[in-house]
């Protein structure tokens, strides 16, 4: 049996090679006849498929262009389907309408070819809106073979590596990325209307700070200096707040040298915004309003369904402190834990693993990750984190062990992270010193001291609220996509040579 399978595979390879050779020969024949499709530089398109169907006008003259997805030749007349940006439309191609020579040429077209079609709109006897073709032009020859249409492209590895084929074969994939574009445009409209300025800051930096993550490193030959790819947008945007730009945001790629899973890609889209003269409560209000705005504008509803679970953006988002959340889901009240020894003891009792370098606040955060996150399905702001895990955040005046910070959760995922920004340069220097100590103790994700940023704070930064949003996760939720790779056009993939 194994020999039979091997022979069948070899036969399929031979057949595929023959088919590809036929396509190349067709191209060569066209070029020899002076009909090379690749010399065509433009084609006037008047309509798209969906527009024709949604705004049907009998006998309307139209001109469309797209990819030939199917073809049924029936003697002197044929039907084919052409796919463009907005969908597919059936075309009726008759020899008597386009001419004998052109019809012979059409019959040699292959599935996957790019064609231009001119004709008039009509409805077939079966009620399908179609184009009665008067002219069909080969605009580009496809030299490869698309997946068989009834099975489509289902292999996820191939889909991610050959996104161009994925977009052709899977209409829902194209819809996802159109929605992603609309989501980002909607965010921009919302923030622009709030008086925010969109800015751009460096991707290549000498000090990659603003988040707990391991950076990618590179060498800049012209300066003979080592640089890093940014892991965050924070420190440069805060410099702009110092400079008097009171409301700024940036949507851009950041890079973190970490693993791959359904919610993580080393290159991803982050949005950060900073607003002078407000605090983390202002950031909560902004987040709640922005999510509702985007969902309404892109989806037409504030109720979204992800993986069968309904989440309501129309209701007020829950607000709970980290201590209260841990108490609610683990039964442990960290308000009653006064010392590091007590925190370690309760961690051992509850089976929460910690490292020697972890302080009381770190252990509280470990409890949160262990017992709480998975329960935060509906939109929830988790507030007031321990200072140990928040090196850039303003302390709570009434309880300086904690800071004015929140993380926004939906579906058990962290969707955003926000602070009342630390603007005390003396306190900030001490926090950097603590981060340097953690780095020396083996924490590869700890920050290092940024002297220029400290200088900016010494110039003076007003009270400021700031927040960072994971745009890819937001797109996942709003498009019901199961993995981050499904909302990244070209996700990071391991080389096939490895």
Protein backbone atom coordinates (compact mmCIF):
# COMPACT_ATOMS: atom_id res chain seq x y z
CA UNK A 1 0.00 0.00 0.00
CA UNK A 2 2.81 2.42 0.84
CA UNK A 3 4.31 1.85 -2.61
CA UNK A 4 0.94 2.65 -4.21
CA UNK A 5 0.68 5.91 -2.23
CA UNK A 6 4.22 6.81 -3.27
CA UNK A 7 3.43 6.14 -6.93
CA UNK A 8 0.24 8.24 -6.71
CA UNK A 9 2.17 11.14 -5.18
CA UNK A 10 4.77 10.93 -7.93
CA UNK A 11 2.02 10.89 -10.56
CA UNK A 12 0.38 13.98 -9.00
CA UNK A 13 3.74 15.78 -9.11
CA UNK A 14 4.17 14.88 -12.78
CA UNK A 15 0.62 16.02 -13.57
CA UNK A 16 1.13 19.28 -11.69
CA UNK A 17 4.35 19.87 -13.58
CA UNK A 18 2.56 19.24 -16.85
CA UNK A 19 -0.21 21.69 -15.95
CA UNK A 20 2.26 24.40 -15.02
CA UNK A 21 4.12 23.79 -18.27
CA UNK A 22 0.87 24.18 -20.21
CA UNK A 23 0.26 27.58 -18.61
CA UNK A 24 3.73 28.77 -19.49
CA UNK A 25 3.27 27.58 -23.04
CA UNK A 26 -0.01 29.50 -23.28
CA UNK A 27 1.84 32.63 -22.20
CA UNK A 28 4.58 32.00 -24.73
CA UNK A 29 2.00 31.55 -27.48
CA UNK A 30 0.29 34.82 -26.54
CA UNK A 31 3.60 36.65 -26.54
CA UNK A 32 4.47 35.18 -29.95
CA UNK A 33 1.14 36.47 -31.27
CA UNK A 34 1.85 39.96 -29.93
CA UNK A 35 -0.78 39.56 -27.17
CA UNK A 36 1.47 39.60 -24.10
CA UNK A 37 -0.88 40.41 -21.15
CA UNK A 38 1.99 41.73 -19.08
CA UNK A 39 2.45 44.77 -21.34
CA UNK A 40 -1.01 46.09 -20.37
CA UNK A 41 -0.52 48.93 -17.89
CA UNK A 42 -4.09 49.95 -16.94
CA UNK A 43 -7.74 49.05 -17.19
CA UNK A 44 -10.66 51.40 -16.58
CA UNK A 45 -12.90 49.95 -13.86
CA UNK A 46 -16.32 51.57 -13.36
CA UNK A 47 -17.92 49.18 -10.87
CA UNK A 48 -17.28 46.40 -8.36
CA UNK A 49 -19.31 43.20 -8.14
CA UNK A 50 -21.16 44.00 -4.91
CA UNK A 51 -22.06 47.50 -6.12
CA UNK A 52 -23.65 46.05 -9.26
CA UNK A 53 -25.72 43.61 -7.21
CA UNK A 54 -26.74 46.07 -4.51
CA UNK A 55 -27.69 48.81 -6.98
CA UNK A 56 -29.12 46.73 -9.81
CA UNK A 57 -29.95 48.58 -13.01
CA UNK A 58 -31.13 46.49 -15.98
CA UNK A 59 -28.90 46.91 -19.07
CA UNK A 60 -26.47 49.19 -17.23
CA UNK A 61 -23.09 49.32 -18.98
CA UNK A 62 -20.31 48.30 -16.59
CA UNK A 63 -16.60 47.57 -16.62
CA UNK A 64 -15.11 45.33 -13.93
CA UNK A 65 -11.75 43.63 -13.37
CA UNK A 66 -10.73 40.72 -11.21
CA UNK A 67 -9.65 37.10 -11.00
CA UNK A 68 -11.26 34.31 -13.01
CA UNK A 69 -12.47 31.83 -10.37
CA UNK A 70 -14.54 29.42 -12.46
CA UNK A 71 -15.43 28.79 -16.10
CA UNK A 72 -18.07 26.62 -17.77
CA UNK A 73 -17.62 26.37 -21.55
CA UNK A 74 -20.75 25.24 -23.41
CA UNK A 75 -20.10 25.38 -27.14
CA UNK A 76 -20.83 28.84 -28.45
CA UNK A 77 -21.57 30.37 -25.02
CA UNK A 78 -19.98 30.10 -21.60
CA UNK A 79 -20.36 31.27 -18.04
CA UNK A 80 -17.56 32.35 -15.75
CA UNK A 81 -17.22 33.92 -12.32
CA UNK A 82 -14.95 36.92 -11.71
CA UNK A 83 -13.81 37.87 -8.21
CA UNK A 84 -12.85 41.43 -7.30
CA UNK A 85 -12.35 43.35 -4.08
CA UNK A 86 -16.00 43.17 -3.04
CA UNK A 87 -17.01 39.66 -4.10
CA UNK A 88 -17.80 37.67 -7.23
CA UNK A 89 -20.17 38.11 -10.14
CA UNK A 90 -21.24 35.78 -12.93
CA UNK A 91 -20.43 36.71 -16.52
CA UNK A 92 -22.12 35.36 -19.65
CA UNK A 93 -19.65 35.11 -22.55
CA UNK A 94 -21.09 34.34 -26.00
CA UNK A 95 -19.14 33.91 -29.26
CA UNK A 96 -21.63 36.00 -31.20
CA UNK A 97 -21.17 38.94 -28.80
CA UNK A 98 -17.40 39.10 -28.52
CA UNK A 99 -16.30 37.57 -31.85
CA UNK A 100 -14.93 34.20 -32.92
CA UNK A 101 -11.25 34.97 -32.35
CA UNK A 102 -11.83 36.54 -28.95
CA UNK A 103 -14.03 33.62 -27.90
CA UNK A 104 -11.34 31.13 -28.86
CA UNK A 105 -8.92 33.13 -26.77
CA UNK A 106 -11.32 33.20 -23.83
CA UNK A 107 -11.67 29.41 -23.89
CA UNK A 108 -7.90 29.17 -23.30
CA UNK A 109 -8.05 31.36 -20.18
CA UNK A 110 -7.10 29.56 -16.95
CA UNK A 111 -8.61 29.74 -13.48
CA UNK A 112 -6.61 32.38 -11.63
CA UNK A 113 -6.06 34.66 -14.63
CA UNK A 114 -6.78 38.36 -14.13
CA UNK A 115 -9.36 39.63 -16.61
CA UNK A 116 -11.16 42.83 -17.51
CA UNK A 117 -14.83 42.56 -18.44
CA UNK A 118 -17.13 45.03 -20.16
CA UNK A 119 -20.82 44.46 -20.77
CA UNK A 120 -24.38 45.10 -19.63
CA UNK A 121 -26.12 43.97 -16.47
CA UNK A 122 -28.99 41.47 -16.70
CA UNK A 123 -30.70 38.77 -14.65
CA UNK A 124 -30.58 35.13 -15.73
CA UNK A 125 -33.60 32.83 -15.80
CA UNK A 126 -32.53 31.51 -12.39
CA UNK A 127 -32.55 35.04 -10.97
CA UNK A 128 -28.79 35.59 -10.76
CA UNK A 129 -27.52 39.09 -11.49
CA UNK A 130 -24.86 38.75 -14.19
CA UNK A 131 -22.93 40.64 -16.85
CA UNK A 132 -23.66 40.06 -20.53
CA UNK A 133 -20.10 40.38 -21.83
CA UNK A 134 -19.27 42.44 -24.90
CA UNK A 135 -15.50 42.49 -24.32
CA UNK A 136 -13.17 40.41 -22.16
CA UNK A 137 -9.45 41.13 -21.85
CA UNK A 138 -6.66 39.06 -20.34
CA UNK A 139 -4.82 41.48 -18.05
CA UNK A 140 -2.41 39.09 -16.30
CA UNK A 141 -1.59 35.42 -16.79
CA UNK A 142 -1.59 33.18 -13.71
CA UNK A 143 1.29 30.71 -13.97
CA UNK A 144 0.43 28.87 -10.76
CA UNK A 145 -2.61 26.77 -9.88
CA UNK A 146 -5.07 27.83 -7.20
CA UNK A 147 -6.34 25.32 -4.63
CA UNK A 148 -9.38 23.32 -5.70
CA UNK A 149 -12.36 25.63 -5.06
CA UNK A 150 -14.59 23.24 -3.10
CA UNK A 151 -11.93 22.42 -0.53
CA UNK A 152 -10.25 25.82 -0.60
CA UNK A 153 -7.07 26.62 1.26
CA UNK A 154 -7.42 25.08 4.72
CA UNK A 155 -3.86 24.31 5.80
CA UNK A 156 -3.14 27.03 8.35
CA UNK A 157 0.62 27.04 7.83
CA UNK A 158 0.18 27.56 4.08
CA UNK A 159 -2.52 30.16 4.70
CA UNK A 160 -0.18 32.28 6.84
CA UNK A 161 2.84 31.83 4.55
CA UNK A 162 0.88 32.51 1.36
CA UNK A 163 -1.63 35.08 2.57
CA UNK A 164 -2.17 36.22 -1.02
CA UNK A 165 -3.67 32.82 -1.85
CA UNK A 166 -5.59 32.79 1.43
CA UNK A 167 -7.23 36.12 0.53
CA UNK A 168 -8.22 34.79 -2.88
CA UNK A 169 -9.71 31.51 -1.65
CA UNK A 170 -11.31 32.51 1.66
CA UNK A 171 -13.79 35.39 1.55
CA UNK A 172 -14.03 35.54 5.36
CA UNK A 173 -10.29 36.20 5.58
CA UNK A 174 -10.56 39.21 3.29
CA UNK A 175 -13.53 40.42 5.34
CA UNK A 176 -11.48 40.16 8.54
CA UNK A 177 -8.73 42.37 7.18
CA UNK A 178 -11.16 44.89 5.73
CA UNK A 179 -12.72 45.11 9.20
CA UNK A 180 -9.27 45.50 10.76
CA UNK A 181 -8.63 48.50 8.53
CA UNK A 182 -12.01 49.96 9.47
CA UNK A 183 -11.31 49.42 13.19
CA UNK A 184 -8.07 51.39 13.01
CA UNK A 185 -9.69 54.14 10.93
CA UNK A 186 -12.53 54.35 13.46
CA UNK A 187 -10.04 54.68 16.34
CA UNK A 188 -8.32 57.52 14.53
CA UNK A 189 -11.59 59.33 13.90
CA UNK A 190 -12.56 59.00 17.55
CA UNK A 191 -9.25 60.31 18.89
CA UNK A 192 -8.95 63.08 16.30
CA UNK A 193 -12.39 64.28 17.35
CA UNK A 194 -11.16 64.37 20.96
CA UNK A 195 -8.34 66.73 20.01
CA UNK A 196 -5.52 64.17 19.92
CA UNK A 197 -2.60 64.53 17.51
CA UNK A 198 -1.23 61.45 15.76
CA UNK A 199 2.58 61.37 15.85
CA UNK A 200 5.47 59.08 14.93
CA UNK A 201 8.39 58.17 17.19
CA UNK A 202 11.59 56.15 16.60
CA UNK A 203 11.59 52.39 16.12
CA UNK A 204 15.38 52.10 16.43
CA UNK A 205 16.34 53.18 19.95
CA UNK A 206 19.40 53.02 22.16
CA UNK A 207 17.26 52.32 25.24
CA UNK A 208 14.20 50.10 24.79
CA UNK A 209 12.02 51.03 27.76
CA UNK A 210 8.40 51.50 28.69
CA UNK A 211 7.45 47.85 29.11
CA UNK A 212 8.61 44.59 30.67
CA UNK A 213 9.90 42.76 27.61
CA UNK A 214 13.10 41.50 26.02
CA UNK A 215 14.09 43.60 22.97
CA UNK A 216 15.55 42.60 19.65
CA UNK A 217 19.06 43.99 19.22
CA UNK A 218 20.92 45.09 16.12
CA UNK A 219 24.09 46.96 15.16
CA UNK A 220 24.01 50.29 13.32
CA UNK A 221 27.10 50.19 11.11
CA UNK A 222 27.19 53.90 10.23
CA UNK A 223 27.48 54.93 13.88
CA UNK A 224 29.17 51.72 15.03
CA UNK A 225 26.63 51.51 17.85
CA UNK A 226 24.24 48.85 19.10
CA UNK A 227 20.55 49.71 18.85
CA UNK A 228 17.34 47.98 19.85
CA UNK A 229 13.92 47.75 18.26
CA UNK A 230 11.37 49.50 20.43
CA UNK A 231 9.23 47.42 22.78
CA UNK A 232 6.91 50.31 23.62
CA UNK A 233 5.90 53.80 22.48
CA UNK A 234 5.77 55.30 25.95
CA UNK A 235 8.93 57.21 26.71
CA UNK A 236 9.05 59.25 23.51
CA UNK A 237 5.36 60.13 23.68
CA UNK A 238 5.85 61.39 27.23
CA UNK A 239 8.67 63.58 26.00
CA UNK A 240 6.10 65.20 23.71
CA UNK A 241 3.79 65.84 26.67
CA UNK A 242 6.75 67.58 28.33
CA UNK A 243 7.11 69.64 25.16
CA UNK A 244 3.55 70.91 25.44
CA UNK A 245 1.71 68.61 23.01
CA UNK A 246 -1.12 67.95 25.44
CA UNK A 247 -2.86 65.05 23.65
CA UNK A 248 -0.84 62.65 21.48
CA UNK A 249 -1.20 59.12 20.19
CA UNK A 250 0.70 56.72 17.98
CA UNK A 251 -0.39 53.51 16.27
CA UNK A 252 2.70 51.55 15.33
CA UNK A 253 4.62 48.33 15.31
CA UNK A 254 6.60 47.29 18.37
CA UNK A 255 8.90 44.31 18.71
CA UNK A 256 9.35 41.92 21.62
CA UNK A 257 11.76 39.01 21.58
CA UNK A 258 9.33 36.49 22.97
CA UNK A 259 7.54 33.29 22.01
CA UNK A 260 4.71 32.67 19.56
CA UNK A 261 1.23 31.58 20.57
CA UNK A 262 -2.40 32.33 19.75
CA UNK A 263 -2.17 35.80 21.37
CA UNK A 264 1.49 36.72 20.87
CA UNK A 265 3.56 37.62 17.83
CA UNK A 266 7.01 39.20 18.24
CA UNK A 267 6.01 42.02 15.88
CA UNK A 268 2.62 43.51 16.72
CA UNK A 269 0.59 46.71 16.60
CA UNK A 270 0.37 48.86 19.70
CA UNK A 271 -1.44 52.11 20.23
CA UNK A 272 -0.43 54.41 23.04
CA UNK A 273 -1.95 57.76 23.91
CA UNK A 274 -1.17 60.38 26.52
CA UNK A 275 -3.34 63.21 27.77
CA UNK A 276 -2.12 66.00 30.00
CA UNK A 277 -4.13 67.12 33.04
CA UNK A 278 -6.05 63.88 33.53
CA UNK A 279 -5.45 60.59 35.38
CA UNK A 280 -6.18 56.89 35.07
CA UNK A 281 -9.89 57.50 35.69
CA UNK A 282 -9.89 59.72 32.60
CA UNK A 283 -8.26 56.87 30.68
CA UNK A 284 -11.01 54.49 31.82
CA UNK A 285 -13.71 56.85 30.55
CA UNK A 286 -11.88 57.31 27.24
CA UNK A 287 -11.44 53.55 26.80
CA UNK A 288 -15.07 52.78 27.52
CA UNK A 289 -16.25 55.43 25.06
CA UNK A 290 -13.74 54.44 22.37
CA UNK A 291 -14.62 50.73 22.44
CA UNK A 292 -18.32 51.53 22.15
CA UNK A 293 -17.67 53.96 19.31
CA UNK A 294 -15.57 51.50 17.32
CA UNK A 295 -17.95 48.56 17.82
CA UNK A 296 -20.95 50.66 16.79
CA UNK A 297 -19.20 52.14 13.76
CA UNK A 298 -17.63 48.91 12.45
CA UNK A 299 -20.11 46.24 13.59
CA UNK A 300 -23.28 48.26 14.09
CA UNK A 301 -23.72 46.95 17.64
CA UNK A 302 -22.14 47.13 21.10
CA UNK A 303 -22.80 43.43 21.70
CA UNK A 304 -20.03 41.25 20.33
CA UNK A 305 -19.72 37.48 20.23
CA UNK A 306 -16.34 35.81 20.46
CA UNK A 307 -16.04 32.04 20.21
CA UNK A 308 -19.71 31.75 21.14
CA UNK A 309 -19.41 34.01 24.21
CA UNK A 310 -21.39 37.25 24.25
CA UNK A 311 -19.75 40.40 25.61
CA UNK A 312 -21.66 43.62 26.19
CA UNK A 313 -19.84 46.90 25.55
CA UNK A 314 -23.04 48.87 26.06
CA UNK A 315 -23.16 48.43 29.85
CA UNK A 316 -20.84 50.32 32.22
CA UNK A 317 -17.54 48.44 32.44
CA UNK A 318 -16.83 46.83 35.81
CA UNK A 319 -14.14 48.50 37.94
CA UNK A 320 -12.37 46.46 40.64
CA UNK A 321 -9.04 46.73 42.45
CA UNK A 322 -6.45 44.01 42.00
CA UNK A 323 -6.57 43.24 45.74
CA UNK A 324 -10.37 42.86 45.68
CA UNK A 325 -10.22 40.73 42.52
CA UNK A 326 -7.68 38.37 44.10
CA UNK A 327 -9.80 38.18 47.26
CA UNK A 328 -12.93 37.46 45.18
CA UNK A 329 -11.45 34.59 43.18
CA UNK A 330 -8.79 33.12 45.51
CA UNK A 331 -10.12 33.95 48.97
CA UNK A 332 -6.82 35.61 49.91
CA UNK A 333 -6.98 39.22 51.16
CA UNK A 334 -3.63 40.90 50.55
CA UNK A 335 -4.76 43.81 52.72
CA UNK A 336 -4.21 41.44 55.63
CA UNK A 337 -0.73 40.38 54.44
CA UNK A 338 1.81 42.78 55.86
CA UNK A 339 5.19 41.19 55.15
CA UNK A 340 7.05 39.41 52.39
CA UNK A 341 7.29 36.32 54.60
CA UNK A 342 3.52 36.19 54.94
CA UNK A 343 3.10 36.58 51.19
CA UNK A 344 5.53 33.72 50.53
CA UNK A 345 3.77 31.52 53.07
CA UNK A 346 0.34 32.01 51.52
CA UNK A 347 1.82 31.45 48.04
CA UNK A 348 3.21 28.08 49.16
CA UNK A 349 -0.13 27.20 50.74
CA UNK A 350 -2.00 28.01 47.52
CA UNK A 351 0.56 26.43 45.19
CA UNK A 352 1.62 29.71 43.55
CA UNK A 353 5.23 29.49 42.40
CA UNK A 354 7.47 32.51 42.93
CA UNK A 355 11.15 33.38 42.63
CA UNK A 356 13.52 34.63 45.35
CA UNK A 357 13.61 38.07 43.72
CA UNK A 358 9.85 38.48 43.96
CA UNK A 359 8.53 40.95 46.52
CA UNK A 360 5.10 41.10 48.13
CA UNK A 361 3.62 43.07 45.21
CA UNK A 362 5.05 40.60 42.69
CA UNK A 363 3.38 37.74 44.56
CA UNK A 364 0.04 39.59 44.55
CA UNK A 365 0.37 39.85 40.77
CA UNK A 366 1.16 36.13 40.52
CA UNK A 367 -2.05 35.40 42.45
CA UNK A 368 -3.94 37.63 40.03
CA UNK A 369 -2.56 35.78 37.02
CA UNK A 370 -3.23 32.38 38.60
CA UNK A 371 -6.73 32.89 39.98
CA UNK A 372 -8.36 35.94 38.37
CA UNK A 373 -7.58 36.58 34.69
CA UNK A 374 -9.57 33.70 33.25
CA UNK A 375 -12.76 34.98 34.94
CA UNK A 376 -12.63 38.48 33.43
CA UNK A 377 -14.85 37.85 30.41
CA UNK A 378 -17.02 40.97 30.40
CA UNK A 379 -15.27 44.36 30.01
CA UNK A 380 -13.44 44.98 33.30
CA UNK A 381 -10.95 47.54 34.61
CA UNK A 382 -8.59 46.00 37.19
CA UNK A 383 -7.18 48.92 39.18
CA UNK A 384 -4.47 49.80 41.69
CA UNK A 385 -1.50 47.54 41.02
CA UNK A 386 1.45 47.06 43.40
CA UNK A 387 4.30 49.51 42.90
CA UNK A 388 6.82 46.68 42.38
CA UNK A 389 5.39 45.84 38.95
CA UNK A 390 4.68 49.43 37.87
CA UNK A 391 7.96 51.35 37.47
CA UNK A 392 6.46 54.25 35.45
CA UNK A 393 3.29 54.86 37.44
CA UNK A 394 2.25 57.45 40.04
CA UNK A 395 1.73 56.09 43.56
CA UNK A 396 -1.64 56.33 45.28
CA UNK A 397 -1.23 59.17 47.80
CA UNK A 398 -3.29 57.38 50.46
CA UNK A 399 -1.53 54.02 49.97
CA UNK A 400 1.95 54.34 48.40
CA UNK A 401 2.43 50.55 48.17
CA UNK A 402 0.04 50.73 45.22
CA UNK A 403 -0.14 52.85 42.09
CA UNK A 404 -2.82 54.52 39.98
CA UNK A 405 -2.83 51.92 37.24
CA UNK A 406 -5.41 49.72 35.56
CA UNK A 407 -5.44 46.90 33.08
CA UNK A 408 -8.47 46.47 30.86
CA UNK A 409 -9.67 42.88 30.42
CA UNK A 410 -12.10 41.15 28.09
CA UNK A 411 -12.47 37.44 27.36
CA UNK A 412 -9.82 36.78 30.03
CA UNK A 413 -7.27 38.77 28.02
CA UNK A 414 -5.42 41.94 28.88
CA UNK A 415 -6.58 44.45 26.26
CA UNK A 416 -5.00 47.67 27.57
CA UNK A 417 -2.70 48.97 30.30
CA UNK A 418 -3.00 52.49 31.71
CA UNK A 419 -1.47 54.77 34.35
CA UNK A 420 -1.63 58.04 36.07
CA UNK A 421 1.86 58.70 34.74
CA UNK A 422 4.76 59.14 37.15
CA UNK A 423 6.04 62.68 36.66
CA UNK A 424 8.32 62.91 39.72
CA UNK A 425 11.89 62.64 38.32
CA UNK A 426 13.37 61.78 41.73
CA UNK A 427 10.94 58.92 42.31
CA UNK A 428 11.40 57.82 38.69
CA UNK A 429 15.18 57.58 39.14
CA UNK A 430 14.70 55.35 42.18
CA UNK A 431 12.32 53.14 40.22
CA UNK A 432 14.91 52.83 37.44
CA UNK A 433 17.52 51.85 40.05
CA UNK A 434 15.22 49.09 41.24
CA UNK A 435 14.73 47.93 37.64
CA UNK A 436 18.52 47.88 37.14
CA UNK A 437 18.84 45.70 40.25
CA UNK A 438 16.22 43.31 38.87
CA UNK A 439 18.09 43.19 35.56
CA UNK A 440 21.31 42.32 37.42
CA UNK A 441 19.41 39.62 39.32
CA UNK A 442 18.46 37.92 36.07
CA UNK A 443 15.23 39.58 34.94
CA UNK A 444 15.88 40.02 31.21
CA UNK A 445 12.66 42.06 30.83
CA UNK A 446 13.57 44.76 33.37
CA UNK A 447 14.03 48.37 32.23
CA UNK A 448 17.32 50.26 32.24
CA UNK A 449 17.82 53.89 33.22
CA UNK A 450 16.97 56.37 30.47
CA UNK A 451 18.87 59.56 31.34
CA UNK A 452 17.34 61.67 28.61
CA UNK A 453 13.85 60.70 29.74
CA UNK A 454 14.78 61.64 33.31
CA UNK A 455 16.05 64.97 32.01
CA UNK A 456 12.71 65.53 30.30
CA UNK A 457 10.89 64.86 33.59
CA UNK A 458 13.18 67.34 35.31
CA UNK A 459 12.14 69.94 32.74
CA UNK A 460 8.65 69.23 34.01
CA UNK A 461 5.77 66.99 32.89
CA UNK A 462 2.20 67.93 33.86
CA UNK A 463 -0.13 65.42 35.53
CA UNK A 464 -0.86 62.99 32.72
CA UNK A 465 -2.95 59.94 31.97
CA UNK A 466 -1.59 57.38 29.53
CA UNK A 467 -2.66 54.07 28.07
CA UNK A 468 -1.47 51.36 25.68
CA UNK A 469 -3.86 49.22 23.63
CA UNK A 470 -3.18 45.88 21.96
CA UNK A 471 -4.69 46.60 18.55
CA UNK A 472 -4.33 43.01 17.32
CA UNK A 473 -6.26 41.59 20.27
CA UNK A 474 -8.95 44.21 19.79
CA UNK A 475 -9.22 43.12 16.16
CA UNK A 476 -9.39 39.47 17.22
CA UNK A 477 -12.38 40.14 19.48
CA UNK A 478 -14.24 42.34 17.00
CA UNK A 479 -13.76 39.87 14.12
CA UNK A 480 -14.19 36.63 16.12
CA UNK A 481 -10.69 35.47 15.09
CA UNK A 482 -9.22 32.62 17.08
CA UNK A 483 -5.51 33.46 16.79
CA UNK A 484 -3.45 36.62 16.48
CA UNK A 485 -2.08 35.29 13.19
CA UNK A 486 -5.60 35.50 11.80
CA UNK A 487 -5.54 39.31 12.13
CA UNK A 488 -1.92 39.84 11.00
CA UNK A 489 -1.58 39.86 7.24
CA UNK A 490 1.94 38.47 7.39
CA UNK A 491 2.61 36.88 10.81
CA UNK A 492 6.10 35.83 11.89
CA UNK A 493 6.82 32.29 10.68
CA UNK A 494 9.74 29.96 11.14
CA UNK A 495 11.81 29.68 7.97
CA UNK A 496 11.10 26.58 5.90
CA UNK A 497 14.87 26.11 5.62
CA UNK A 498 15.20 25.49 9.38
